[in-house]
Amino acid sequence: MNPKYKRVLLKLSGGALASNEELFSKEALKNITKNIINASEAGIQIAIVVGGGNIFRGRTADEWNIDRVEADNIGMLSTIINSLILKGALASQTYRDIRMMTSLPMNSVAEPYIRLKAKKYLDENSIVIFGGGTGQPFISTDYPSIQRAIEIGAEIVLMAKDGVDGIYTANPQNNKDAKRYKEINSSDVINLNLKVADSSAFILAKEFNMPMYVFNFKEENSIIKACSSESNIGTFVSNECKTMFY
């Protein structure tokens, strides 16, 4: 299977690292690292943004009676913890170079994010992990996923979902008649109010014509399959495609 894309940005939720009982699941991390390493060995240059929702979500500030800015700071630190966990898991399974860069100054554990250095690492086939979001509050990790993808010259953002194989007309768990999109035009996503990503992230992707692929990460070799021109494990989103169903 020849990859259609050479350079991608993989967006992982923090929940992808967890299980129902634990903040971090060995089985989940094993599946994630296997997928990433297999794709890297297939010649796909991979950058990764991982969320922090398994540890703390900034939008839960009201429940904790914490100022939203402080809550978002905690959330950004959570993404750095997850990035370190992922870096360690990857390093234990491959001799490939793993680089971690953060938007927040944290020189003792990671490099500061510098766009040209990140591109250089990818050119050298290193796996690059971006932690800390944008370093600013009020923004989920969806937005820096799109932002970093544009900055490093990625060809697509792979939106990895836990057990969800694409975008549907309705919630397939509640509606047996829900239909899955094979491709959907960005304008239709807006008109139909489909929750592909946070609105600010989606607007940025639409403005800079950055396509997205929403897919089930639990599928074996899912990154390689998502990068195939004949992929059928998710939904492709772009300004230029024609909306169609499977």
C-alpha atoms as a PDB file:
ATOM      1  CA  MET A   1       0.000   0.000   0.000  1.00  0.00           C
ATOM      2  CA  ASN A   2       1.726   3.171  -1.212  1.00  0.00           C
ATOM      3  CA  PRO A   3       1.088   6.221   1.004  1.00  0.00           C
ATOM      4  CA  LYS A   4      -0.614   9.134  -0.743  1.00  0.00           C
ATOM      5  CA  TYR A   5       0.826  11.599   1.778  1.00  0.00           C
ATOM      6  CA  LYS A   6       4.486  11.964   2.726  1.00  0.00           C
ATOM      7  CA  ARG A   7       4.113  14.337   5.697  1.00  0.00           C
ATOM      8  CA  VAL A   8       1.150  14.248   8.089  1.00  0.00           C
ATOM      9  CA  LEU A   9       0.127  15.625  11.439  1.00  0.00           C
ATOM     10  CA  LEU A  10      -1.570  13.115  13.716  1.00  0.00           C
ATOM     11  CA  LYS A  11      -4.014  14.552  16.275  1.00  0.00           C
ATOM     12  CA  LEU A  12      -4.535  12.214  19.238  1.00  0.00           C
ATOM     13  CA  SER A  13      -6.957  12.869  22.063  1.00  0.00           C
ATOM     14  CA  GLY A  14      -5.698  12.427  25.597  1.00  0.00           C
ATOM     15  CA  GLY A  15      -8.391   9.803  26.009  1.00  0.00           C
ATOM     16  CA  ALA A  16      -6.663   7.649  23.404  1.00  0.00           C
ATOM     17  CA  LEU A  17      -3.883   7.010  25.953  1.00  0.00           C
ATOM     18  CA  ALA A  18      -6.284   6.020  28.722  1.00  0.00           C
ATOM     19  CA  SER A  19      -8.601   3.185  29.679  1.00  0.00           C
ATOM     20  CA  ASN A  20     -11.823   3.213  31.682  1.00  0.00           C
ATOM     21  CA  GLU A  21      -9.858   2.519  34.859  1.00  0.00           C
ATOM     22  CA  GLU A  22      -6.522   4.276  34.312  1.00  0.00           C
ATOM     23  CA  LEU A  23      -5.118   7.580  33.081  1.00  0.00           C
ATOM     24  CA  PHE A  24      -2.645   5.606  30.965  1.00  0.00           C
ATOM     25  CA  SER A  25      -3.304   2.242  29.383  1.00  0.00           C
ATOM     26  CA  LYS A  26      -0.427  -0.042  28.401  1.00  0.00           C
ATOM     27  CA  GLU A  27      -2.580  -1.651  25.721  1.00  0.00           C
ATOM     28  CA  ALA A  28      -3.631   1.687  24.263  1.00  0.00           C
ATOM     29  CA  LEU A  29      -0.045   2.946  24.210  1.00  0.00           C
ATOM     30  CA  LYS A  30       1.107  -0.301  22.601  1.00  0.00           C
ATOM     31  CA  ASN A  31      -1.442   0.124  19.801  1.00  0.00           C
ATOM     32  CA  ILE A  32      -0.582   3.806  19.336  1.00  0.00           C
ATOM     33  CA  THR A  33       3.179   3.273  19.192  1.00  0.00           C
ATOM     34  CA  LYS A  34       2.825   0.313  16.823  1.00  0.00           C
ATOM     35  CA  ASN A  35       0.687   2.361  14.433  1.00  0.00           C
ATOM     36  CA  ILE A  36       3.063   5.332  14.505  1.00  0.00           C
ATOM     37  CA  ILE A  37       6.231   3.290  14.092  1.00  0.00           C
ATOM     38  CA  ASN A  38       4.800   1.197  11.241  1.00  0.00           C
ATOM     39  CA  ALA A  39       3.760   4.352   9.415  1.00  0.00           C
ATOM     40  CA  SER A  40       7.165   5.961   9.969  1.00  0.00           C
ATOM     41  CA  GLU A  41       8.903   2.859   8.636  1.00  0.00           C
ATOM     42  CA  ALA A  42       6.612   2.989   5.593  1.00  0.00           C
ATOM     43  CA  GLY A  43       8.138   6.384   4.742  1.00  0.00           C
ATOM     44  CA  ILE A  44       5.496   8.693   6.226  1.00  0.00           C
ATOM     45  CA  GLN A  45       6.898  11.708   8.091  1.00  0.00           C
ATOM     46  CA  ILE A  46       4.831  12.071  11.267  1.00  0.00           C
ATOM     47  CA  ALA A  47       4.293  14.983  13.633  1.00  0.00           C
ATOM     48  CA  ILE A  48       1.937  14.478  16.568  1.00  0.00           C
ATOM     49  CA  VAL A  49      -0.238  16.677  18.755  1.00  0.00           C
ATOM     50  CA  VAL A  50      -1.756  14.909  21.760  1.00  0.00           C
ATOM     51  CA  GLY A  51      -4.500  16.319  23.985  1.00  0.00           C
ATOM     52  CA  GLY A  52      -4.632  16.250  27.768  1.00  0.00           C
ATOM     53  CA  GLY A  53      -8.254  15.333  28.414  1.00  0.00           C
ATOM     54  CA  ASN A  54      -7.433  12.125  30.256  1.00  0.00           C
ATOM     55  CA  ILE A  55      -5.750  14.247  32.964  1.00  0.00           C
ATOM     56  CA  PHE A  56      -7.531  17.618  32.961  1.00  0.00           C
ATOM     57  CA  ARG A  57      -9.714  19.668  30.624  1.00  0.00           C
ATOM     58  CA  GLY A  58      -9.597  23.441  30.823  1.00  0.00           C
ATOM     59  CA  ARG A  59     -13.304  23.718  30.105  1.00  0.00           C
ATOM     60  CA  THR A  60     -14.067  21.953  33.409  1.00  0.00           C
ATOM     61  CA  ALA A  61     -12.850  25.071  35.242  1.00  0.00           C
ATOM     62  CA  ASP A  62     -16.308  25.927  36.576  1.00  0.00           C
ATOM     63  CA  GLU A  63     -16.716  22.508  38.172  1.00  0.00           C
ATOM     64  CA  TRP A  64     -13.476  23.015  40.112  1.00  0.00           C
ATOM     65  CA  ASN A  65     -14.126  26.710  40.764  1.00  0.00           C
ATOM     66  CA  ILE A  66     -10.805  27.514  39.079  1.00  0.00           C
ATOM     67  CA  ASP A  67     -10.154  30.575  36.953  1.00  0.00           C
ATOM     68  CA  ARG A  68     -10.397  29.524  33.294  1.00  0.00           C
ATOM     69  CA  VAL A  69      -6.922  30.804  32.432  1.00  0.00           C
ATOM     70  CA  GLU A  70      -5.380  28.790  35.246  1.00  0.00           C
ATOM     71  CA  ALA A  71      -7.442  25.758  34.243  1.00  0.00           C
ATOM     72  CA  ASP A  72      -6.194  26.019  30.677  1.00  0.00           C
ATOM     73  CA  ASN A  73      -2.621  26.259  31.986  1.00  0.00           C
ATOM     74  CA  ILE A  74      -3.205  22.968  33.808  1.00  0.00           C
ATOM     75  CA  GLY A  75      -4.625  21.526  30.589  1.00  0.00           C
ATOM     76  CA  MET A  76      -1.542  22.584  28.622  1.00  0.00           C
ATOM     77  CA  LEU A  77       0.727  20.959  31.194  1.00  0.00           C
ATOM     78  CA  SER A  78      -1.424  17.826  30.866  1.00  0.00           C
ATOM     79  CA  THR A  79      -0.650  17.687  27.148  1.00  0.00           C
ATOM     80  CA  ILE A  80       3.059  17.887  27.984  1.00  0.00           C
ATOM     81  CA  ILE A  81       2.756  14.969  30.405  1.00  0.00           C
ATOM     82  CA  ASN A  82       0.987  12.941  27.719  1.00  0.00           C
ATOM     83  CA  SER A  83       3.621  13.935  25.170  1.00  0.00           C
ATOM     84  CA  LEU A  84       6.376  12.703  27.494  1.00  0.00           C
ATOM     85  CA  ILE A  85       4.534   9.424  28.072  1.00  0.00           C
ATOM     86  CA  LEU A  86       4.130   8.969  24.305  1.00  0.00           C
ATOM     87  CA  LYS A  87       7.769   9.880  23.652  1.00  0.00           C
ATOM     88  CA  GLY A  88       8.930   7.342  26.215  1.00  0.00           C
ATOM     89  CA  ALA A  89       6.658   4.633  24.828  1.00  0.00           C
ATOM     90  CA  LEU A  90       7.875   5.261  21.278  1.00  0.00           C
ATOM     91  CA  ALA A  91      11.530   5.355  22.302  1.00  0.00           C
ATOM     92  CA  SER A  92      11.163   1.971  24.002  1.00  0.00           C
ATOM     93  CA  GLN A  93       9.923   0.385  20.767  1.00  0.00           C
ATOM     94  CA  THR A  94      12.095   1.924  18.056  1.00  0.00           C
ATOM     95  CA  TYR A  95      15.586   3.208  17.366  1.00  0.00           C
ATOM     96  CA  ARG A  96      14.132   6.044  15.304  1.00  0.00           C
ATOM     97  CA  ASP A  97      14.833   9.549  16.563  1.00  0.00           C
ATOM     98  CA  ILE A  98      11.956  10.937  18.663  1.00  0.00           C
ATOM     99  CA  ARG A  99      11.811  14.684  19.193  1.00  0.00           C
ATOM    100  CA  MET A 100       9.513  16.554  21.580  1.00  0.00           C
ATOM    101  CA  MET A 101       8.950  20.287  21.307  1.00  0.00           C
ATOM    102  CA  THR A 102       6.788  22.495  23.513  1.00  0.00           C
ATOM    103  CA  SER A 103       5.210  25.914  23.154  1.00  0.00           C
ATOM    104  CA  LEU A 104       5.887  26.562  26.864  1.00  0.00           C
ATOM    105  CA  PRO A 105       9.533  27.016  27.963  1.00  0.00           C
ATOM    106  CA  MET A 106      10.533  23.695  29.535  1.00  0.00           C
ATOM    107  CA  ASN A 107      14.126  23.189  28.507  1.00  0.00           C
ATOM    108  CA  SER A 108      14.903  20.459  31.030  1.00  0.00           C
ATOM    109  CA  VAL A 109      12.365  18.056  29.485  1.00  0.00           C
ATOM    110  CA  ALA A 110      11.837  19.215  25.881  1.00  0.00           C
ATOM    111  CA  GLU A 111      13.013  21.582  23.190  1.00  0.00           C
ATOM    112  CA  PRO A 112      11.175  24.851  22.592  1.00  0.00           C
ATOM    113  CA  TYR A 113       9.019  24.787  19.482  1.00  0.00           C
ATOM    114  CA  ILE A 114      10.890  26.299  16.535  1.00  0.00           C
ATOM    115  CA  ARG A 115       9.202  25.811  13.186  1.00  0.00           C
ATOM    116  CA  LEU A 116      12.314  25.423  11.034  1.00  0.00           C
ATOM    117  CA  LYS A 117      13.879  22.946  13.461  1.00  0.00           C
ATOM    118  CA  ALA A 118      10.675  20.909  13.475  1.00  0.00           C
ATOM    119  CA  LYS A 119      10.710  20.810   9.657  1.00  0.00           C
ATOM    120  CA  LYS A 120      14.381  19.803   9.685  1.00  0.00           C
ATOM    121  CA  TYR A 121      13.683  16.920  12.069  1.00  0.00           C
ATOM    122  CA  LEU A 122      10.854  15.706   9.848  1.00  0.00           C
ATOM    123  CA  ASP A 123      13.096  15.961   6.784  1.00  0.00           C
ATOM    124  CA  GLU A 124      15.466  13.640   8.660  1.00  0.00           C
ATOM    125  CA  ASN A 125      12.561  11.214   9.322  1.00  0.00           C
ATOM    126  CA  SER A 126      12.419  11.884  13.052  1.00  0.00           C
ATOM    127  CA  ILE A 127       9.045  11.505  14.754  1.00  0.00           C
ATOM    128  CA  VAL A 128       8.139  14.886  16.254  1.00  0.00           C
ATOM    129  CA  ILE A 129       5.726  15.444  19.150  1.00  0.00           C
ATOM    130  CA  PHE A 130       4.315  18.912  19.895  1.00  0.00           C
ATOM    131  CA  GLY A 131       3.238  19.540  23.500  1.00  0.00           C
ATOM    132  CA  GLY A 132       1.678  22.476  25.302  1.00  0.00           C
ATOM    133  CA  GLY A 133      -0.861  23.495  22.661  1.00  0.00           C
ATOM    134  CA  THR A 134      -0.240  27.053  21.508  1.00  0.00           C
ATOM    135  CA  GLY A 135       0.913  28.134  24.960  1.00  0.00           C
ATOM    136  CA  GLN A 136      -2.174  30.347  25.259  1.00  0.00           C
ATOM    137  CA  PRO A 137      -5.486  29.809  27.103  1.00  0.00           C
ATOM    138  CA  PHE A 138      -9.003  29.424  25.646  1.00  0.00           C
ATOM    139  CA  ILE A 139      -7.821  27.135  22.850  1.00  0.00           C
ATOM    140  CA  SER A 140      -8.215  23.362  22.646  1.00  0.00           C
ATOM    141  CA  THR A 141      -5.574  21.142  21.040  1.00  0.00           C
ATOM    142  CA  ASP A 142      -7.629  21.005  17.827  1.00  0.00           C
ATOM    143  CA  TYR A 143      -6.431  24.503  16.907  1.00  0.00           C
ATOM    144  CA  PRO A 144      -2.666  23.941  17.360  1.00  0.00           C
ATOM    145  CA  SER A 145      -3.058  20.694  15.408  1.00  0.00           C
ATOM    146  CA  ILE A 146      -4.147  22.679  12.368  1.00  0.00           C
ATOM    147  CA  GLN A 147      -1.723  25.521  13.076  1.00  0.00           C
ATOM    148  CA  ARG A 148       1.307  23.240  13.406  1.00  0.00           C
ATOM    149  CA  ALA A 149       0.271  21.261  10.326  1.00  0.00           C
ATOM    150  CA  ILE A 150       0.229  24.458   8.261  1.00  0.00           C
ATOM    151  CA  GLU A 151       3.541  25.659   9.729  1.00  0.00           C
ATOM    152  CA  ILE A 152       5.462  22.438   9.052  1.00  0.00           C
ATOM    153  CA  GLY A 153       4.034  21.896   5.570  1.00  0.00           C
ATOM    154  CA  ALA A 154       1.974  18.804   6.394  1.00  0.00           C
ATOM    155  CA  GLU A 155      -0.276  17.582   3.622  1.00  0.00           C
ATOM    156  CA  ILE A 156      -3.143  16.497   5.871  1.00  0.00           C
ATOM    157  CA  VAL A 157      -4.284  16.379   9.501  1.00  0.00           C
ATOM    158  CA  LEU A 158      -5.242  12.892  10.648  1.00  0.00           C
ATOM    159  CA  MET A 159      -7.919  13.217  13.341  1.00  0.00           C
ATOM    160  CA  ALA A 160      -7.617   9.928  15.224  1.00  0.00           C
ATOM    161  CA  LYS A 161     -10.771   8.844  17.039  1.00  0.00           C
ATOM    162  CA  ASP A 162     -11.257   6.123  19.613  1.00  0.00           C
ATOM    163  CA  GLY A 163     -13.616   3.621  18.006  1.00  0.00           C
ATOM    164  CA  VAL A 164     -15.298   6.160  15.702  1.00  0.00           C
ATOM    165  CA  ASP A 165     -14.831   5.388  12.013  1.00  0.00           C
ATOM    166  CA  GLY A 166     -15.586   8.761  10.480  1.00  0.00           C
ATOM    167  CA  ILE A 167     -18.264  11.443  10.307  1.00  0.00           C
ATOM    168  CA  TYR A 168     -21.947  10.489  10.314  1.00  0.00           C
ATOM    169  CA  THR A 169     -25.190  12.302   9.561  1.00  0.00           C
ATOM    170  CA  ALA A 170     -26.179  11.594  13.185  1.00  0.00           C
ATOM    171  CA  ASN A 171     -24.809   9.759  16.186  1.00  0.00           C
ATOM    172  CA  PRO A 172     -24.694   6.123  15.004  1.00  0.00           C
ATOM    173  CA  GLN A 173     -25.002   4.910  18.593  1.00  0.00           C
ATOM    174  CA  ASN A 174     -28.397   6.578  18.905  1.00  0.00           C
ATOM    175  CA  ASN A 175     -29.610   6.432  15.322  1.00  0.00           C
ATOM    176  CA  LYS A 176     -29.388   3.181  13.363  1.00  0.00           C
ATOM    177  CA  ASP A 177     -30.216   5.080  10.153  1.00  0.00           C
ATOM    178  CA  ALA A 178     -27.170   7.360  10.459  1.00  0.00           C
ATOM    179  CA  LYS A 179     -25.066   7.348   7.281  1.00  0.00           C
ATOM    180  CA  ARG A 180     -21.284   7.618   7.183  1.00  0.00           C
ATOM    181  CA  TYR A 181     -19.632  10.119   4.879  1.00  0.00           C
ATOM    182  CA  LYS A 182     -16.798   8.933   2.674  1.00  0.00           C
ATOM    183  CA  GLU A 183     -15.943  12.526   1.769  1.00  0.00           C
ATOM    184  CA  ILE A 184     -17.507  15.799   2.822  1.00  0.00           C
ATOM    185  CA  ASN A 185     -16.941  19.320   1.569  1.00  0.00           C
ATOM    186  CA  SER A 186     -15.931  21.876   4.196  1.00  0.00           C
ATOM    187  CA  SER A 187     -18.933  24.075   3.371  1.00  0.00           C
ATOM    188  CA  ASP A 188     -21.287  21.162   4.057  1.00  0.00           C
ATOM    189  CA  VAL A 189     -19.631  20.591   7.438  1.00  0.00           C
ATOM    190  CA  ILE A 190     -20.511  24.184   8.361  1.00  0.00           C
ATOM    191  CA  ASN A 191     -24.015  24.130   6.872  1.00  0.00           C
ATOM    192  CA  LEU A 192     -24.885  20.834   8.576  1.00  0.00           C
ATOM    193  CA  ASN A 193     -23.253  21.908  11.859  1.00  0.00           C
ATOM    194  CA  LEU A 194     -21.154  18.742  12.051  1.00  0.00           C
ATOM    195  CA  LYS A 195     -18.609  18.663  14.883  1.00  0.00           C
ATOM    196  CA  VAL A 196     -15.431  17.732  12.993  1.00  0.00           C
ATOM    197  CA  ALA A 197     -13.178  19.877  15.191  1.00  0.00           C
ATOM    198  CA  ASP A 198     -13.466  22.997  17.322  1.00  0.00           C
ATOM    199  CA  SER A 199     -14.910  25.811  15.212  1.00  0.00           C
ATOM    200  CA  SER A 200     -11.770  27.971  15.399  1.00  0.00           C
ATOM    201  CA  ALA A 201      -9.634  25.030  14.242  1.00  0.00           C
ATOM    202  CA  PHE A 202     -11.987  24.166  11.416  1.00  0.00           C
ATOM    203  CA  ILE A 203     -12.110  27.775  10.204  1.00  0.00           C
ATOM    204  CA  LEU A 204      -8.295  27.856  10.131  1.00  0.00           C
ATOM    205  CA  ALA A 205      -8.174  24.582   8.188  1.00  0.00           C
ATOM    206  CA  LYS A 206     -10.747  25.856   5.705  1.00  0.00           C
ATOM    207  CA  GLU A 207      -8.947  29.174   5.236  1.00  0.00           C
ATOM    208  CA  PHE A 208      -5.600  27.508   4.500  1.00  0.00           C
ATOM    209  CA  ASN A 209      -7.106  24.587   2.579  1.00  0.00           C
ATOM    210  CA  MET A 210      -5.752  21.999   5.029  1.00  0.00           C
ATOM    211  CA  PRO A 211      -7.609  18.701   4.521  1.00  0.00           C
ATOM    212  CA  MET A 212      -8.522  16.426   7.402  1.00  0.00           C
ATOM    213  CA  TYR A 213      -9.194  12.722   7.701  1.00  0.00           C
ATOM    214  CA  VAL A 214     -11.343  11.516  10.604  1.00  0.00           C
ATOM    215  CA  PHE A 215     -10.778   7.815  11.263  1.00  0.00           C
ATOM    216  CA  ASN A 216     -10.807   4.980  13.773  1.00  0.00           C
ATOM    217  CA  PHE A 217      -7.356   4.734  15.322  1.00  0.00           C
ATOM    218  CA  LYS A 218      -7.999   1.236  16.671  1.00  0.00           C
ATOM    219  CA  GLU A 219      -7.874  -0.168  13.140  1.00  0.00           C
ATOM    220  CA  GLU A 220      -4.648  -2.092  12.557  1.00  0.00           C
ATOM    221  CA  ASN A 221      -2.109   0.022  10.633  1.00  0.00           C
ATOM    222  CA  SER A 222      -4.685   2.806  10.650  1.00  0.00           C
ATOM    223  CA  ILE A 223      -2.219   5.614   9.848  1.00  0.00           C
ATOM    224  CA  ILE A 224      -0.915   3.814   6.774  1.00  0.00           C
ATOM    225  CA  LYS A 225      -4.485   3.047   5.680  1.00  0.00           C
ATOM    226  CA  ALA A 226      -5.588   6.641   6.303  1.00  0.00           C
ATOM    227  CA  CYS A 227      -2.738   7.817   4.072  1.00  0.00           C
ATOM    228  CA  SER A 228      -3.756   5.506   1.234  1.00  0.00           C
ATOM    229  CA  SER A 229      -5.601   6.897  -1.777  1.00  0.00           C
ATOM    230  CA  GLU A 230      -8.040   3.994  -1.424  1.00  0.00           C
ATOM    231  CA  SER A 231      -8.697   4.425   2.289  1.00  0.00           C
ATOM    232  CA  ASN A 232     -12.127   3.441   3.568  1.00  0.00           C
ATOM    233  CA  ILE A 233     -11.628   3.598   7.329  1.00  0.00           C
ATOM    234  CA  GLY A 234     -12.850   7.166   7.837  1.00  0.00           C
ATOM    235  CA  THR A 235     -14.085  10.420   6.317  1.00  0.00           C
ATOM    236  CA  PHE A 236     -12.066  12.852   4.191  1.00  0.00           C
ATOM    237  CA  VAL A 237     -12.812  16.582   4.666  1.00  0.00           C
ATOM    238  CA  SER A 238     -11.609  19.339   2.358  1.00  0.00           C
ATOM    239  CA  ASN A 239     -12.628  22.493   0.498  1.00  0.00           C
ATOM    240  CA  GLU A 240     -12.413  20.744  -2.837  1.00  0.00           C
ATOM    241  CA  CYS A 241     -13.983  17.306  -2.443  1.00  0.00           C
ATOM    242  CA  LYS A 242     -17.542  16.390  -3.359  1.00  0.00           C
ATOM    243  CA  THR A 243     -19.757  15.223  -0.502  1.00  0.00           C
ATOM    244  CA  MET A 244     -20.565  11.522  -0.790  1.00  0.00           C
ATOM    245  CA  PHE A 245     -21.493   8.556   1.380  1.00  0.00           C
ATOM    246  CA  TYR A 246     -20.096   5.049   1.583  1.00  0.00           C
END
